Amino acid sequence: MNITLRQLQVFEKVARRMSFTRAAEELYLTQPAVSMQIKQLEESVGLPLFERLGKRLFLTEAGREIYRLSRTIAAQLEETGQTLEALKGTEGGTLTISVVSTVHYFAIRALASHCRKHPKVRIDLRVTNRRGLLQLLEENATDLALMGKPPADWDLIAEPFMDNPLVVIAPHAHPLTRRRRIPLAELENQTFLIREEGSGTRSAVEAFFNRRGIAITGSMEMNTNTAIIHGVEAGLGLGIVSLHTIQRELQDKRLAVLDVESFPIVRKWYLAHRSGKKLSRAAQAFKQFVQQNAWQLMETGG
């Protein structure tokens, strides 16, 4: 078979997304260019690799075999690239960091401080939600991930590096800011802005209230902590966010942390990567830097 690496790269994208259009967008190619690569690959293989049933695209048996091959080759290329980057030491190469939106405040501070010591390292920072971050880990598309508690059934190396206290926030002039030791039951009378389904923060908050038999009312779902913070400032409701994300709002007296019994909910932030992944020296250096300096970075702002 006369198969090119480019054909396999294009095929892998189409097979993973099950969409020629989405693959073309990710590869910065036109859809006809993607279709041509797939057609040439099918001609080399001598069998169809996709079949369309209705509006959905499926892999044929031959397609599944080629997909396994393409993933294996992609993983080997990634490993080779990391090995070559490691040979360059910590003063060069690319460091890909993926973070859930809750952690991006800390991540930016950490990267800024780290880059002052290693200015030649190129940083690729990806901010996403929990679902997107897990997808990046699954696809081995990131060196390190900064996240809440990783799923227990994933083959990851995950180490906690800092507490992440979740607190109830309100506009600075809200009547509850003058209260102390607010009973949890009183929160049932309040309206909350909540994170989207699948968010680690939402899962932790729901588990916390469910254990105590408390039902809170969510008036609006938002997919970032920043949106919740702005919504609370605007008076749309209360919110539950990481204390680390609202330091400026507290200093400016735009928000206040409510004194609610059993709060804060203390979670952990984790540094995670795929088990068996060969971290470059740049990635190892950043991991060590975070583990040694996390609290100092949060207290001083980097």
Protein backbone atom coordinates (compact mmCIF):
# COMPACT_ATOMS: atom_id res chain seq x y z
CA MET A 1 0.00 0.00 0.00
CA ASN A 2 1.21 3.48 -0.88
CA ILE A 3 -0.16 5.33 2.17
CA THR A 4 1.19 8.74 3.14
CA LEU A 5 1.47 10.13 6.65
CA ARG A 6 -0.68 13.11 5.63
CA GLN A 7 -3.48 10.79 4.52
CA LEU A 8 -3.41 9.03 7.86
CA GLN A 9 -3.44 12.34 9.74
CA VAL A 10 -6.47 13.55 7.82
CA PHE A 11 -8.22 10.18 8.15
CA GLU A 12 -7.63 10.13 11.91
CA LYS A 13 -9.31 13.52 12.30
CA VAL A 14 -12.33 12.51 10.21
CA ALA A 15 -12.66 9.17 12.00
CA ARG A 16 -12.40 10.74 15.45
CA ARG A 17 -14.93 13.49 14.70
CA MET A 18 -17.07 11.44 12.30
CA SER A 19 -17.36 14.58 10.24
CA PHE A 20 -15.53 15.80 7.15
CA THR A 21 -16.53 19.37 7.97
CA ARG A 22 -15.22 19.38 11.55
CA ALA A 23 -12.01 17.62 10.47
CA ALA A 24 -11.46 20.27 7.79
CA GLU A 25 -11.93 23.04 10.37
CA GLU A 26 -9.40 21.50 12.76
CA LEU A 27 -6.86 20.93 9.99
CA TYR A 28 -7.41 24.38 8.43
CA LEU A 29 -8.22 22.72 5.12
CA THR A 30 -11.16 22.96 2.76
CA GLN A 31 -13.67 20.12 2.84
CA PRO A 32 -12.85 19.11 -0.77
CA ALA A 33 -9.16 18.82 0.21
CA VAL A 34 -10.08 16.50 3.09
CA SER A 35 -12.36 14.44 0.82
CA MET A 36 -9.55 14.10 -1.73
CA GLN A 37 -7.11 12.80 0.90
CA ILE A 38 -9.67 10.21 2.06
CA LYS A 39 -10.43 9.17 -1.52
CA GLN A 40 -6.72 8.65 -2.26
CA LEU A 41 -6.32 6.65 0.94
CA GLU A 42 -9.28 4.42 0.02
CA GLU A 43 -7.77 3.88 -3.42
CA SER A 44 -4.47 2.81 -1.83
CA VAL A 45 -6.25 0.46 0.58
CA GLY A 46 -8.60 -0.85 -2.07
CA LEU A 47 -11.61 -0.77 0.26
CA PRO A 48 -14.08 1.86 1.44
CA LEU A 49 -13.24 3.25 4.87
CA PHE A 50 -16.52 5.06 5.59
CA GLU A 51 -20.16 4.40 4.95
CA ARG A 52 -23.01 6.87 5.31
CA LEU A 53 -26.34 5.71 6.70
CA GLY A 54 -28.86 8.50 6.56
CA LYS A 55 -27.09 11.60 7.81
CA ARG A 56 -24.58 9.72 9.97
CA LEU A 57 -21.08 8.62 9.05
CA PHE A 58 -19.69 5.23 10.18
CA LEU A 59 -16.38 3.40 9.84
CA THR A 60 -16.32 0.22 7.82
CA GLU A 61 -14.37 -2.78 9.11
CA ALA A 62 -11.40 -1.67 7.00
CA GLY A 63 -11.86 1.86 8.36
CA ARG A 64 -11.62 0.60 11.93
CA GLU A 65 -8.34 -1.15 11.12
CA ILE A 66 -6.87 1.96 9.52
CA TYR A 67 -8.08 4.05 12.46
CA ARG A 68 -6.16 1.81 14.89
CA LEU A 69 -3.09 2.17 12.69
CA SER A 70 -3.42 5.95 12.49
CA ARG A 71 -3.78 6.31 16.28
CA THR A 72 -0.73 4.12 16.88
CA ILE A 73 1.39 6.14 14.45
CA ALA A 74 0.14 9.44 15.93
CA ALA A 75 1.09 8.28 19.44
CA GLN A 76 4.54 7.19 18.28
CA LEU A 77 5.12 10.52 16.53
CA GLU A 78 4.02 12.39 19.66
CA GLU A 79 6.39 10.33 21.81
CA THR A 80 9.26 10.94 19.40
CA GLY A 81 8.52 14.65 19.40
CA GLN A 82 8.54 14.74 23.19
CA THR A 83 11.84 12.86 23.31
CA LEU A 84 13.40 15.34 20.90
CA GLU A 85 12.01 18.26 22.90
CA ALA A 86 13.47 16.74 26.06
CA LEU A 87 16.90 16.71 24.42
CA LYS A 88 16.62 20.48 24.09
CA GLY A 89 16.30 20.87 27.85
CA THR A 90 14.06 23.34 29.66
CA GLU A 91 15.27 26.34 27.68
CA GLY A 92 13.41 25.49 24.48
CA GLY A 93 10.55 23.52 23.01
CA THR A 94 6.80 23.74 23.44
CA LEU A 95 4.82 23.21 26.63
CA THR A 96 1.11 22.43 26.17
CA ILE A 97 -0.96 23.14 29.27
CA SER A 98 -4.71 22.54 29.46
CA VAL A 99 -6.79 23.92 32.31
CA VAL A 100 -10.42 24.00 33.35
CA SER A 101 -11.74 27.55 33.42
CA THR A 102 -11.80 27.59 37.24
CA VAL A 103 -8.02 27.21 37.34
CA HIS A 104 -7.04 29.55 34.52
CA TYR A 105 -6.49 32.50 36.90
CA PHE A 106 -3.83 30.49 38.72
CA ALA A 107 -2.44 28.97 35.53
CA ILE A 108 -1.76 32.37 33.96
CA ARG A 109 0.08 33.53 37.09
CA ALA A 110 2.11 30.33 37.23
CA LEU A 111 3.01 30.45 33.53
CA ALA A 112 3.99 34.13 33.71
CA SER A 113 6.31 33.48 36.64
CA HIS A 114 7.72 30.29 35.09
CA CYS A 115 8.36 31.94 31.73
CA ARG A 116 10.43 34.66 33.34
CA LYS A 117 12.87 31.90 34.25
CA HIS A 118 12.50 29.97 30.97
CA PRO A 119 11.80 32.61 28.29
CA LYS A 120 12.63 30.34 25.34
CA VAL A 121 9.89 27.80 26.12
CA ARG A 122 6.85 28.28 23.85
CA ILE A 123 3.57 27.97 25.78
CA ASP A 124 0.34 26.58 24.32
CA LEU A 125 -2.38 27.27 26.93
CA ARG A 126 -5.83 25.78 26.39
CA VAL A 127 -8.70 26.85 28.65
CA THR A 128 -11.77 24.63 28.47
CA ASN A 129 -14.42 22.97 30.61
CA ARG A 130 -14.02 19.61 32.32
CA ARG A 131 -15.45 17.66 29.40
CA GLY A 132 -13.12 19.34 26.93
CA LEU A 133 -10.10 18.83 29.18
CA LEU A 134 -10.80 15.12 29.58
CA GLN A 135 -11.06 14.84 25.81
CA LEU A 136 -7.64 16.47 25.43
CA LEU A 137 -6.19 14.00 27.93
CA GLU A 138 -7.83 11.07 26.18
CA GLU A 139 -6.39 12.17 22.84
CA ASN A 140 -2.95 12.76 24.39
CA ALA A 141 -3.20 16.32 23.08
CA THR A 142 -1.77 18.01 26.17
CA ASP A 143 1.36 17.67 28.27
CA LEU A 144 -0.19 18.60 31.61
CA ALA A 145 -3.71 19.33 32.83
CA LEU A 146 -4.69 21.51 35.77
CA MET A 147 -8.09 20.43 36.99
CA GLY A 148 -10.40 19.44 39.81
CA LYS A 149 -10.62 15.85 40.98
CA PRO A 150 -9.80 13.52 38.03
CA PRO A 151 -12.06 10.55 37.29
CA ALA A 152 -10.98 7.56 39.37
CA ASP A 153 -11.25 5.05 36.51
CA TRP A 154 -8.86 6.88 34.16
CA ASP A 155 -5.24 5.83 33.74
CA LEU A 156 -3.80 9.14 34.93
CA ILE A 157 -1.06 10.33 37.23
CA ALA A 158 -2.72 13.09 39.24
CA GLU A 159 -1.18 14.94 42.17
CA PRO A 160 -2.95 17.60 44.28
CA PHE A 161 -1.06 20.87 44.49
CA MET A 162 -3.43 23.24 46.30
CA ASP A 163 -6.76 23.51 48.13
CA ASN A 164 -9.64 24.98 46.14
CA PRO A 165 -12.25 26.40 48.54
CA LEU A 166 -15.71 26.95 47.05
CA VAL A 167 -17.65 29.81 48.64
CA VAL A 168 -21.10 31.36 48.32
CA ILE A 169 -20.91 34.83 46.78
CA ALA A 170 -23.38 37.71 46.61
CA PRO A 171 -23.36 41.36 45.54
CA HIS A 172 -21.60 43.45 48.16
CA ALA A 173 -24.85 45.18 49.19
CA HIS A 174 -26.92 41.97 49.47
CA PRO A 175 -28.87 41.69 52.78
CA LEU A 176 -27.29 38.33 53.60
CA THR A 177 -23.81 39.88 53.75
CA ARG A 178 -24.75 41.29 57.16
CA ARG A 179 -25.64 37.87 58.56
CA ARG A 180 -23.34 35.39 60.33
CA ARG A 181 -23.56 31.61 60.31
CA ILE A 182 -26.39 31.54 57.80
CA PRO A 183 -28.19 28.16 58.01
CA LEU A 184 -27.97 26.06 54.86
CA ALA A 185 -31.76 25.75 54.81
CA GLU A 186 -32.05 29.49 54.12
CA LEU A 187 -30.28 29.01 50.80
CA GLU A 188 -33.37 27.18 49.54
CA ASN A 189 -35.07 30.59 49.43
CA GLN A 190 -32.35 32.05 47.21
CA THR A 191 -31.79 31.89 43.46
CA PHE A 192 -28.43 30.65 42.20
CA LEU A 193 -26.42 30.97 39.02
CA ILE A 194 -24.96 27.50 38.40
CA ARG A 195 -22.35 25.87 36.20
CA GLU A 196 -23.26 23.64 33.28
CA GLU A 197 -23.87 19.89 33.52
CA GLY A 198 -20.57 18.00 33.69
CA SER A 199 -18.72 20.80 35.44
CA GLY A 200 -16.57 19.62 38.34
CA THR A 201 -17.75 22.57 40.45
CA ARG A 202 -21.40 21.76 39.80
CA SER A 203 -20.90 18.08 40.64
CA ALA A 204 -19.21 18.98 43.94
CA VAL A 205 -21.91 21.49 44.86
CA GLU A 206 -24.76 19.12 44.00
CA ALA A 207 -23.17 16.30 46.01
CA PHE A 208 -22.68 18.67 48.98
CA PHE A 209 -26.33 19.78 49.09
CA ASN A 210 -27.74 16.33 48.31
CA ARG A 211 -25.92 14.86 51.33
CA ARG A 212 -27.62 17.48 53.50
CA GLY A 213 -31.07 17.21 51.96
CA ILE A 214 -31.00 20.78 50.66
CA ALA A 215 -32.43 21.76 47.27
CA ILE A 216 -31.25 25.04 45.76
CA THR A 217 -32.89 26.77 42.81
CA GLY A 218 -30.82 27.45 39.72
CA SER A 219 -32.18 30.29 37.60
CA MET A 220 -29.50 30.22 34.92
CA GLU A 221 -26.72 27.90 33.71
CA MET A 222 -23.37 29.42 32.76
CA ASN A 223 -20.34 27.66 31.34
CA THR A 224 -17.61 29.70 33.05
CA ASN A 225 -16.92 31.03 36.52
CA THR A 226 -16.33 34.47 35.00
CA ALA A 227 -19.89 34.54 33.70
CA ILE A 228 -21.23 33.56 37.12
CA ILE A 229 -19.14 36.26 38.83
CA HIS A 230 -20.41 38.92 36.45
CA GLY A 231 -23.98 37.65 36.81
CA VAL A 232 -23.80 37.81 40.60
CA GLU A 233 -22.37 41.33 40.39
CA ALA A 234 -25.35 42.28 38.21
CA GLY A 235 -27.78 40.95 40.83
CA LEU A 236 -29.05 37.92 38.90
CA GLY A 237 -28.60 35.62 41.89
CA LEU A 238 -26.08 34.07 44.23
CA GLY A 239 -23.19 31.92 43.05
CA ILE A 240 -20.76 29.29 44.30
CA VAL A 241 -17.24 29.72 42.95
CA SER A 242 -13.62 29.19 43.88
CA LEU A 243 -12.38 31.75 46.41
CA HIS A 244 -9.19 32.08 44.35
CA THR A 245 -11.14 33.52 41.39
CA ILE A 246 -12.69 36.54 43.13
CA GLN A 247 -9.84 38.28 44.94
CA ARG A 248 -10.08 41.45 42.85
CA GLU A 249 -13.87 41.63 43.18
CA LEU A 250 -13.57 41.28 46.95
CA GLN A 251 -10.91 43.98 47.17
CA ASP A 252 -13.03 46.34 45.05
CA LYS A 253 -16.09 45.52 47.19
CA ARG A 254 -18.09 44.40 44.18
CA LEU A 255 -18.73 40.98 45.73
CA ALA A 256 -18.88 39.51 49.21
CA VAL A 257 -18.42 35.97 50.53
CA LEU A 258 -21.42 34.88 52.59
CA ASP A 259 -20.82 33.31 55.99
CA VAL A 260 -22.78 30.09 55.44
CA GLU A 261 -22.57 27.11 57.77
CA SER A 262 -20.50 24.16 56.46
CA PHE A 263 -18.82 26.40 53.89
CA PRO A 264 -16.37 26.59 52.26
CA ILE A 265 -16.51 23.33 50.34
CA VAL A 266 -12.82 22.46 50.19
CA ARG A 267 -11.77 20.65 47.04
CA LYS A 268 -8.31 20.12 45.54
CA TRP A 269 -6.67 21.24 42.37
CA TYR A 270 -4.64 18.56 40.60
CA LEU A 271 -1.79 18.38 38.12
CA ALA A 272 -2.55 15.44 35.83
CA HIS A 273 -1.12 13.70 32.80
CA ARG A 274 -1.51 10.37 31.07
CA SER A 275 0.11 7.45 32.86
CA GLY A 276 3.21 6.38 30.96
CA LYS A 277 3.49 9.71 29.14
CA LYS A 278 7.08 10.84 28.66
CA LEU A 279 7.12 14.40 29.89
CA SER A 280 9.62 16.73 28.26
CA ARG A 281 12.10 18.48 30.51
CA ALA A 282 10.08 21.67 30.04
CA ALA A 283 6.92 19.90 31.25
CA GLN A 284 8.78 18.32 34.17
CA ALA A 285 10.19 21.72 35.13
CA PHE A 286 6.77 23.37 35.07
CA LYS A 287 5.21 20.54 37.07
CA GLN A 288 7.89 20.87 39.74
CA PHE A 289 7.54 24.66 39.73
CA VAL A 290 3.79 24.47 40.39
CA GLN A 291 4.18 21.89 43.15
CA GLN A 292 6.78 24.02 44.95
CA ASN A 293 5.29 27.49 44.45
CA ALA A 294 1.50 27.15 44.18
CA TRP A 295 0.54 28.86 47.44
CA GLN A 296 3.10 31.62 47.05
CA LEU A 297 1.79 32.37 43.55
CA MET A 298 -1.78 32.73 44.81
CA GLU A 299 -0.80 34.91 47.76
CA THR A 300 1.49 37.26 45.85
CA GLY A 301 -0.11 37.20 42.41
CA GLY A 302 3.06 35.73 40.84
